[in-house]
Amino acid sequence: MVPPRPYVHDYGFQMQMIGDRCYVTRVRSGSDAETKGLKAGDEIHTVNGYTPTREDFLRMKYLIGTLRPQPILRLNLLNLDDGER
């Protein structure tokens, strides 16, 4: 078990697997994620070059959220308005 950190790491959004696809489910108002145009409903294709799958999604979230929080997450997204970005 990992000892607790003295802070909570927050990327400004939440993601979830729905079926076999990963989606943004919530974007915190005023966050950097909102400033960069992230919206609930955007489909996430990759997170820092890694494609999330149902089998390893929870491990990936644990890794980037608890074990090794990243200063920056690079997301490859697909949204209905602008296409892939």
PDB file of N, CA and C in Angstrom:
ATOM      1  N   MET A   1       0.840  -1.183   0.000  1.00  0.00           N
ATOM      2  CA  MET A   1       0.000   0.000   0.000  1.00  0.00           C
ATOM      3  C   MET A   1       0.884   1.244   0.000  1.00  0.00           C
ATOM      4  N   VAL A   2       0.486   2.208  -0.770  1.00  0.00           N
ATOM      5  CA  VAL A   2       1.231   3.452  -0.915  1.00  0.00           C
ATOM      6  C   VAL A   2       0.833   4.403   0.218  1.00  0.00           C
ATOM      7  N   PRO A   3       1.808   5.037   0.890  1.00  0.00           N
ATOM      8  CA  PRO A   3       1.448   6.005   1.928  1.00  0.00           C
ATOM      9  C   PRO A   3       0.732   7.197   1.312  1.00  0.00           C
ATOM     10  N   PRO A   4      -0.171   7.808   2.037  1.00  0.00           N
ATOM     11  CA  PRO A   4      -0.904   8.951   1.475  1.00  0.00           C
ATOM     12  C   PRO A   4       0.013  10.144   1.231  1.00  0.00           C
ATOM     13  N   ARG A   5      -0.311  10.894   0.210  1.00  0.00           N
ATOM     14  CA  ARG A   5       0.449  12.112  -0.100  1.00  0.00           C
ATOM     15  C   ARG A   5      -0.128  13.274   0.717  1.00  0.00           C
ATOM     16  N   PRO A   6       0.667  14.303   0.937  1.00  0.00           N
ATOM     17  CA  PRO A   6       0.157  15.446   1.695  1.00  0.00           C
ATOM     18  C   PRO A   6      -0.734  16.362   0.846  1.00  0.00           C
ATOM     19  N   TYR A   7      -1.030  15.976  -0.380  1.00  0.00           N
ATOM     20  CA  TYR A   7      -1.875  16.775  -1.270  1.00  0.00           C
ATOM     21  C   TYR A   7      -2.727  15.832  -2.121  1.00  0.00           C
ATOM     22  N   VAL A   8      -3.725  16.397  -2.751  1.00  0.00           N
ATOM     23  CA  VAL A   8      -4.566  15.640  -3.682  1.00  0.00           C
ATOM     24  C   VAL A   8      -4.260  16.155  -5.078  1.00  0.00           C
ATOM     25  N   HIS A   9      -3.866  15.262  -5.966  1.00  0.00           N
ATOM     26  CA  HIS A   9      -3.546  15.654  -7.343  1.00  0.00           C
ATOM     27  C   HIS A   9      -4.829  15.665  -8.170  1.00  0.00           C
ATOM     28  N   ASP A  10      -5.097  16.779  -8.834  1.00  0.00           N
ATOM     29  CA  ASP A  10      -6.324  16.926  -9.608  1.00  0.00           C
ATOM     30  C   ASP A  10      -5.981  17.476 -10.987  1.00  0.00           C
ATOM     31  N   TYR A  11      -6.337  16.731 -12.022  1.00  0.00           N
ATOM     32  CA  TYR A  11      -6.074  17.178 -13.396  1.00  0.00           C
ATOM     33  C   TYR A  11      -7.172  18.088 -13.921  1.00  0.00           C
ATOM     34  N   GLY A  12      -8.248  18.263 -13.180  1.00  0.00           N
ATOM     35  CA  GLY A  12      -9.331  19.141 -13.605  1.00  0.00           C
ATOM     36  C   GLY A  12     -10.411  18.438 -14.407  1.00  0.00           C
ATOM     37  N   PHE A  13     -10.279  17.129 -14.559  1.00  0.00           N
ATOM     38  CA  PHE A  13     -11.315  16.379 -15.270  1.00  0.00           C
ATOM     39  C   PHE A  13     -11.346  14.953 -14.744  1.00  0.00           C
ATOM     40  N   GLN A  14     -12.451  14.281 -15.037  1.00  0.00           N
ATOM     41  CA  GLN A  14     -12.583  12.867 -14.703  1.00  0.00           C
ATOM     42  C   GLN A  14     -12.866  12.100 -15.979  1.00  0.00           C
ATOM     43  N   MET A  15     -12.394  10.862 -16.021  1.00  0.00           N
ATOM     44  CA  MET A  15     -12.623  10.010 -17.182  1.00  0.00           C
ATOM     45  C   MET A  15     -13.165   8.672 -16.711  1.00  0.00           C
ATOM     46  N   GLN A  16     -13.845   7.994 -17.636  1.00  0.00           N
ATOM     47  CA  GLN A  16     -14.471   6.720 -17.288  1.00  0.00           C
ATOM     48  C   GLN A  16     -14.591   5.872 -18.546  1.00  0.00           C
ATOM     49  N   MET A  17     -14.457   4.566 -18.369  1.00  0.00           N
ATOM     50  CA  MET A  17     -14.696   3.638 -19.466  1.00  0.00           C
ATOM     51  C   MET A  17     -16.202   3.421 -19.578  1.00  0.00           C
ATOM     52  N   ILE A  18     -16.720   3.571 -20.773  1.00  0.00           N
ATOM     53  CA  ILE A  18     -18.118   3.274 -21.074  1.00  0.00           C
ATOM     54  C   ILE A  18     -18.079   2.298 -22.231  1.00  0.00           C
ATOM     55  N   GLY A  19     -18.434   1.065 -21.945  1.00  0.00           N
ATOM     56  CA  GLY A  19     -18.224   0.004 -22.924  1.00  0.00           C
ATOM     57  C   GLY A  19     -16.726  -0.205 -23.076  1.00  0.00           C
ATOM     58  N   ASP A  20     -16.248  -0.180 -24.307  1.00  0.00           N
ATOM     59  CA  ASP A  20     -14.812  -0.345 -24.559  1.00  0.00           C
ATOM     60  C   ASP A  20     -14.129   0.969 -24.891  1.00  0.00           C
ATOM     61  N   ARG A  21     -14.799   2.084 -24.649  1.00  0.00           N
ATOM     62  CA  ARG A  21     -14.225   3.398 -24.960  1.00  0.00           C
ATOM     63  C   ARG A  21     -14.097   4.241 -23.706  1.00  0.00           C
ATOM     64  N   CYS A  22     -13.122   5.137 -23.725  1.00  0.00           N
ATOM     65  CA  CYS A  22     -12.844   6.008 -22.585  1.00  0.00           C
ATOM     66  C   CYS A  22     -13.371   7.421 -22.900  1.00  0.00           C
ATOM     67  N   TYR A  23     -14.145   7.979 -21.974  1.00  0.00           N
ATOM     68  CA  TYR A  23     -14.748   9.302 -22.169  1.00  0.00           C
ATOM     69  C   TYR A  23     -14.440  10.222 -21.001  1.00  0.00           C
ATOM     70  N   VAL A  24     -14.417  11.529 -21.306  1.00  0.00           N
ATOM     71  CA  VAL A  24     -14.370  12.548 -20.269  1.00  0.00           C
ATOM     72  C   VAL A  24     -15.785  12.633 -19.710  1.00  0.00           C
ATOM     73  N   THR A  25     -15.919  12.479 -18.394  1.00  0.00           N
ATOM     74  CA  THR A  25     -17.250  12.511 -17.788  1.00  0.00           C
ATOM     75  C   THR A  25     -17.518  13.802 -17.030  1.00  0.00           C
ATOM     76  N   ARG A  26     -16.458  14.498 -16.637  1.00  0.00           N
ATOM     77  CA  ARG A  26     -16.640  15.751 -15.903  1.00  0.00           C
ATOM     78  C   ARG A  26     -15.414  16.624 -16.084  1.00  0.00           C
ATOM     79  N   VAL A  27     -15.647  17.930 -16.235  1.00  0.00           N
ATOM     80  CA  VAL A  27     -14.559  18.907 -16.306  1.00  0.00           C
ATOM     81  C   VAL A  27     -14.834  19.958 -15.236  1.00  0.00           C
ATOM     82  N   ARG A  28     -13.867  20.162 -14.366  1.00  0.00           N
ATOM     83  CA  ARG A  28     -14.036  21.129 -13.277  1.00  0.00           C
ATOM     84  C   ARG A  28     -14.005  22.546 -13.839  1.00  0.00           C
ATOM     85  N   SER A  29     -14.963  23.335 -13.449  1.00  0.00           N
ATOM     86  CA  SER A  29     -15.060  24.723 -13.881  1.00  0.00           C
ATOM     87  C   SER A  29     -13.832  25.503 -13.417  1.00  0.00           C
ATOM     88  N   GLY A  30     -13.249  26.276 -14.314  1.00  0.00           N
ATOM     89  CA  GLY A  30     -12.085  27.091 -13.997  1.00  0.00           C
ATOM     90  C   GLY A  30     -10.763  26.350 -14.052  1.00  0.00           C
ATOM     91  N   SER A  31     -10.793  25.069 -14.394  1.00  0.00           N
ATOM     92  CA  SER A  31      -9.553  24.284 -14.431  1.00  0.00           C
ATOM     93  C   SER A  31      -8.798  24.519 -15.733  1.00  0.00           C
ATOM     94  N   ASP A  32      -7.537  24.092 -15.750  1.00  0.00           N
ATOM     95  CA  ASP A  32      -6.734  24.170 -16.968  1.00  0.00           C
ATOM     96  C   ASP A  32      -7.347  23.302 -18.064  1.00  0.00           C
ATOM     97  N   ALA A  33      -7.942  22.183 -17.677  1.00  0.00           N
ATOM     98  CA  ALA A  33      -8.596  21.307 -18.653  1.00  0.00           C
ATOM     99  C   ALA A  33      -9.725  22.051 -19.363  1.00  0.00           C
ATOM    100  N   GLU A  34     -10.512  22.818 -18.621  1.00  0.00           N
ATOM    101  CA  GLU A  34     -11.592  23.598 -19.232  1.00  0.00           C
ATOM    102  C   GLU A  34     -11.020  24.687 -20.144  1.00  0.00           C
ATOM    103  N   THR A  35      -9.948  25.341 -19.683  1.00  0.00           N
ATOM    104  CA  THR A  35      -9.303  26.385 -20.475  1.00  0.00           C
ATOM    105  C   THR A  35      -8.801  25.840 -21.814  1.00  0.00           C
ATOM    106  N   LYS A  36      -8.304  24.605 -21.803  1.00  0.00           N
ATOM    107  CA  LYS A  36      -7.777  24.000 -23.025  1.00  0.00           C
ATOM    108  C   LYS A  36      -8.879  23.428 -23.916  1.00  0.00           C
ATOM    109  N   GLY A  37     -10.145  23.529 -23.486  1.00  0.00           N
ATOM    110  CA  GLY A  37     -11.260  23.132 -24.330  1.00  0.00           C
ATOM    111  C   GLY A  37     -11.779  21.730 -24.113  1.00  0.00           C
ATOM    112  N   LEU A  38     -11.361  21.063 -23.061  1.00  0.00           N
ATOM    113  CA  LEU A  38     -11.848  19.725 -22.766  1.00  0.00           C
ATOM    114  C   LEU A  38     -13.312  19.811 -22.349  1.00  0.00           C
ATOM    115  N   LYS A  39     -14.137  18.896 -22.872  1.00  0.00           N
ATOM    116  CA  LYS A  39     -15.568  18.910 -22.568  1.00  0.00           C
ATOM    117  C   LYS A  39     -16.030  17.521 -22.204  1.00  0.00           C
ATOM    118  N   ALA A  40     -17.018  17.451 -21.322  1.00  0.00           N
ATOM    119  CA  ALA A  40     -17.637  16.166 -21.004  1.00  0.00           C
ATOM    120  C   ALA A  40     -18.189  15.580 -22.301  1.00  0.00           C
ATOM    121  N   GLY A  41     -17.946  14.308 -22.525  1.00  0.00           N
ATOM    122  CA  GLY A  41     -18.384  13.648 -23.746  1.00  0.00           C
ATOM    123  C   GLY A  41     -17.265  13.449 -24.754  1.00  0.00           C
ATOM    124  N   ASP A  42     -16.137  14.157 -24.592  1.00  0.00           N
ATOM    125  CA  ASP A  42     -14.991  13.940 -25.477  1.00  0.00           C
ATOM    126  C   ASP A  42     -14.484  12.513 -25.261  1.00  0.00           C
ATOM    127  N   GLU A  43     -14.178  11.833 -26.354  1.00  0.00           N
ATOM    128  CA  GLU A  43     -13.635  10.482 -26.265  1.00  0.00           C
ATOM    129  C   GLU A  43     -12.115  10.560 -26.200  1.00  0.00           C
ATOM    130  N   ILE A  44     -11.525   9.870 -25.234  1.00  0.00           N
ATOM    131  CA  ILE A  44     -10.078   9.868 -25.055  1.00  0.00           C
ATOM    132  C   ILE A  44      -9.493   8.666 -25.786  1.00  0.00           C
ATOM    133  N   HIS A  45      -8.637   8.926 -26.783  1.00  0.00           N
ATOM    134  CA  HIS A  45      -7.969   7.842 -27.510  1.00  0.00           C
ATOM    135  C   HIS A  45      -6.678   7.426 -26.830  1.00  0.00           C
ATOM    136  N   THR A  46      -5.901   8.420 -26.370  1.00  0.00           N
ATOM    137  CA  THR A  46      -4.656   8.098 -25.673  1.00  0.00           C
ATOM    138  C   THR A  46      -4.434   9.066 -24.522  1.00  0.00           C
ATOM    139  N   VAL A  47      -3.734   8.582 -23.500  1.00  0.00           N
ATOM    140  CA  VAL A  47      -3.289   9.385 -22.355  1.00  0.00           C
ATOM    141  C   VAL A  47      -1.776   9.211 -22.289  1.00  0.00           C
ATOM    142  N   ASN A  48      -1.048  10.285 -22.569  1.00  0.00           N
ATOM    143  CA  ASN A  48       0.425  10.239 -22.623  1.00  0.00           C
ATOM    144  C   ASN A  48       0.910   9.107 -23.536  1.00  0.00           C
ATOM    145  N   GLY A  49       0.238   8.929 -24.656  1.00  0.00           N
ATOM    146  CA  GLY A  49       0.637   7.927 -25.639  1.00  0.00           C
ATOM    147  C   GLY A  49       0.109   6.527 -25.374  1.00  0.00           C
ATOM    148  N   TYR A  50      -0.589   6.334 -24.285  1.00  0.00           N
ATOM    149  CA  TYR A  50      -1.093   5.019 -23.890  1.00  0.00           C
ATOM    150  C   TYR A  50      -2.594   4.938 -24.175  1.00  0.00           C
ATOM    151  N   THR A  51      -3.040   3.898 -24.856  1.00  0.00           N
ATOM    152  CA  THR A  51      -4.453   3.713 -25.165  1.00  0.00           C
ATOM    153  C   THR A  51      -5.155   3.004 -24.008  1.00  0.00           C
ATOM    154  N   PRO A  52      -6.118   3.678 -23.354  1.00  0.00           N
ATOM    155  CA  PRO A  52      -6.812   3.029 -22.238  1.00  0.00           C
ATOM    156  C   PRO A  52      -7.726   1.905 -22.738  1.00  0.00           C
ATOM    157  N   THR A  53      -7.719   0.800 -22.026  1.00  0.00           N
ATOM    158  CA  THR A  53      -8.619  -0.315 -22.308  1.00  0.00           C
ATOM    159  C   THR A  53      -9.361  -0.663 -21.028  1.00  0.00           C
ATOM    160  N   ARG A  54     -10.458  -1.359 -21.172  1.00  0.00           N
ATOM    161  CA  ARG A  54     -11.251  -1.746 -20.012  1.00  0.00           C
ATOM    162  C   ARG A  54     -10.437  -2.584 -19.034  1.00  0.00           C
ATOM    163  N   GLU A  55      -9.568  -3.450 -19.550  1.00  0.00           N
ATOM    164  CA  GLU A  55      -8.791  -4.355 -18.709  1.00  0.00           C
ATOM    165  C   GLU A  55      -7.799  -3.632 -17.803  1.00  0.00           C
ATOM    166  N   ASP A  56      -7.238  -2.522 -18.267  1.00  0.00           N
ATOM    167  CA  ASP A  56      -6.197  -1.868 -17.467  1.00  0.00           C
ATOM    168  C   ASP A  56      -6.500  -0.415 -17.115  1.00  0.00           C
ATOM    169  N   PHE A  57      -7.736   0.003 -17.292  1.00  0.00           N
ATOM    170  CA  PHE A  57      -8.115   1.389 -17.014  1.00  0.00           C
ATOM    171  C   PHE A  57      -7.881   1.766 -15.549  1.00  0.00           C
ATOM    172  N   LEU A  58      -8.316   0.912 -14.617  1.00  0.00           N
ATOM    173  CA  LEU A  58      -8.154   1.236 -13.197  1.00  0.00           C
ATOM    174  C   LEU A  58      -6.676   1.303 -12.805  1.00  0.00           C
ATOM    175  N   ARG A  59      -5.863   0.431 -13.367  1.00  0.00           N
ATOM    176  CA  ARG A  59      -4.418   0.490 -13.096  1.00  0.00           C
ATOM    177  C   ARG A  59      -3.805   1.779 -13.629  1.00  0.00           C
ATOM    178  N   MET A  60      -4.235   2.183 -14.837  1.00  0.00           N
ATOM    179  CA  MET A  60      -3.735   3.415 -15.421  1.00  0.00           C
ATOM    180  C   MET A  60      -4.111   4.613 -14.549  1.00  0.00           C
ATOM    181  N   LYS A  61      -5.364   4.685 -14.099  1.00  0.00           N
ATOM    182  CA  LYS A  61      -5.794   5.784 -13.234  1.00  0.00           C
ATOM    183  C   LYS A  61      -5.017   5.792 -11.921  1.00  0.00           C
ATOM    184  N   TYR A  62      -4.770   4.621 -11.372  1.00  0.00           N
ATOM    185  CA  TYR A  62      -4.010   4.513 -10.127  1.00  0.00           C
ATOM    186  C   TYR A  62      -2.572   4.992 -10.334  1.00  0.00           C
ATOM    187  N   LEU A  63      -1.990   4.632 -11.457  1.00  0.00           N
ATOM    188  CA  LEU A  63      -0.621   5.026 -11.761  1.00  0.00           C
ATOM    189  C   LEU A  63      -0.502   6.540 -11.914  1.00  0.00           C
ATOM    190  N   ILE A  64      -1.352   7.155 -12.756  1.00  0.00           N
ATOM    191  CA  ILE A  64      -1.213   8.597 -13.006  1.00  0.00           C
ATOM    192  C   ILE A  64      -1.839   9.451 -11.915  1.00  0.00           C
ATOM    193  N   GLY A  65      -2.729   8.873 -11.108  1.00  0.00           N
ATOM    194  CA  GLY A  65      -3.376   9.654 -10.065  1.00  0.00           C
ATOM    195  C   GLY A  65      -2.775   9.479  -8.683  1.00  0.00           C
ATOM    196  N   THR A  66      -2.139   8.317  -8.427  1.00  0.00           N
ATOM    197  CA  THR A  66      -1.658   8.037  -7.073  1.00  0.00           C
ATOM    198  C   THR A  66      -0.164   7.741  -7.031  1.00  0.00           C
ATOM    199  N   LEU A  67       0.275   6.768  -7.808  1.00  0.00           N
ATOM    200  CA  LEU A  67       1.687   6.361  -7.730  1.00  0.00           C
ATOM    201  C   LEU A  67       2.643   7.385  -8.314  1.00  0.00           C
ATOM    202  N   ARG A  68       2.341   7.828  -9.544  1.00  0.00           N
ATOM    203  CA  ARG A  68       3.240   8.768 -10.228  1.00  0.00           C
ATOM    204  C   ARG A  68       2.437   9.869 -10.899  1.00  0.00           C
ATOM    205  N   PRO A  69       1.888  10.809 -10.136  1.00  0.00           N
ATOM    206  CA  PRO A  69       1.160  11.909 -10.776  1.00  0.00           C
ATOM    207  C   PRO A  69       2.063  12.637 -11.765  1.00  0.00           C
ATOM    208  N   GLN A  70       1.528  12.930 -12.916  1.00  0.00           N
ATOM    209  CA  GLN A  70       2.279  13.587 -13.981  1.00  0.00           C
ATOM    210  C   GLN A  70       2.011  15.093 -13.950  1.00  0.00           C
ATOM    211  N   PRO A  71       3.028  15.914 -14.205  1.00  0.00           N
ATOM    212  CA  PRO A  71       2.785  17.359 -14.239  1.00  0.00           C
ATOM    213  C   PRO A  71       1.884  17.752 -15.415  1.00  0.00           C
ATOM    214  N   ILE A  72       1.947  16.966 -16.493  1.00  0.00           N
ATOM    215  CA  ILE A  72       1.146  17.250 -17.690  1.00  0.00           C
ATOM    216  C   ILE A  72       0.632  15.932 -18.249  1.00  0.00           C
ATOM    217  N   LEU A  73      -0.644  15.907 -18.594  1.00  0.00           N
ATOM    218  CA  LEU A  73      -1.193  14.763 -19.328  1.00  0.00           C
ATOM    219  C   LEU A  73      -1.435  15.205 -20.759  1.00  0.00           C
ATOM    220  N   ARG A  74      -0.976  14.416 -21.697  1.00  0.00           N
ATOM    221  CA  ARG A  74      -1.230  14.693 -23.113  1.00  0.00           C
ATOM    222  C   ARG A  74      -2.318  13.740 -23.573  1.00  0.00           C
ATOM    223  N   LEU A  75      -3.447  14.320 -23.962  1.00  0.00           N
ATOM    224  CA  LEU A  75      -4.599  13.533 -24.376  1.00  0.00           C
ATOM    225  C   LEU A  75      -4.804  13.657 -25.872  1.00  0.00           C
ATOM    226  N   ASN A  76      -5.083  12.549 -26.523  1.00  0.00           N
ATOM    227  CA  ASN A  76      -5.514  12.547 -27.908  1.00  0.00           C
ATOM    228  C   ASN A  76      -7.012  12.287 -27.849  1.00  0.00           C
ATOM    229  N   LEU A  77      -7.809  13.258 -28.326  1.00  0.00           N
ATOM    230  CA  LEU A  77      -9.249  13.226 -28.151  1.00  0.00           C
ATOM    231  C   LEU A  77      -9.992  13.133 -29.474  1.00  0.00           C
ATOM    232  N   LEU A  78     -11.217  12.673 -29.385  1.00  0.00           N
ATOM    233  CA  LEU A  78     -12.151  12.706 -30.500  1.00  0.00           C
ATOM    234  C   LEU A  78     -13.425  13.313 -29.964  1.00  0.00           C
ATOM    235  N   ASN A  79     -13.834  14.437 -30.547  1.00  0.00           N
ATOM    236  CA  ASN A  79     -15.118  15.006 -30.128  1.00  0.00           C
ATOM    237  C   ASN A  79     -15.982  15.216 -31.361  1.00  0.00           C
ATOM    238  N   LEU A  80     -17.264  15.321 -31.154  1.00  0.00           N
ATOM    239  CA  LEU A  80     -18.199  15.412 -32.269  1.00  0.00           C
ATOM    240  C   LEU A  80     -18.125  16.742 -32.983  1.00  0.00           C
ATOM    241  N   ASP A  81     -17.705  17.813 -32.299  1.00  0.00           N
ATOM    242  CA  ASP A  81     -17.671  19.135 -32.908  1.00  0.00           C
ATOM    243  C   ASP A  81     -16.480  19.352 -33.822  1.00  0.00           C
ATOM    244  N   ASP A  82     -15.275  19.038 -33.330  1.00  0.00           N
ATOM    245  CA  ASP A  82     -14.050  19.378 -34.047  1.00  0.00           C
ATOM    246  C   ASP A  82     -13.313  18.200 -34.639  1.00  0.00           C
ATOM    247  N   GLY A  83     -13.775  16.970 -34.404  1.00  0.00           N
ATOM    248  CA  GLY A  83     -13.031  15.800 -34.855  1.00  0.00           C
ATOM    249  C   GLY A  83     -11.916  15.485 -33.901  1.00  0.00           C
ATOM    250  N   GLU A  84     -10.842  14.901 -34.413  1.00  0.00           N
ATOM    251  CA  GLU A  84      -9.724  14.485 -33.567  1.00  0.00           C
ATOM    252  C   GLU A  84      -8.827  15.671 -33.254  1.00  0.00           C
ATOM    253  N   ARG A  85      -8.369  15.707 -31.992  1.00  0.00           N
ATOM    254  CA  ARG A  85      -7.431  16.775 -31.573  1.00  0.00           C
ATOM    255  C   ARG A  85      -6.574  16.274 -30.461  1.00  0.00           C
TER     256      ARG A  85
END
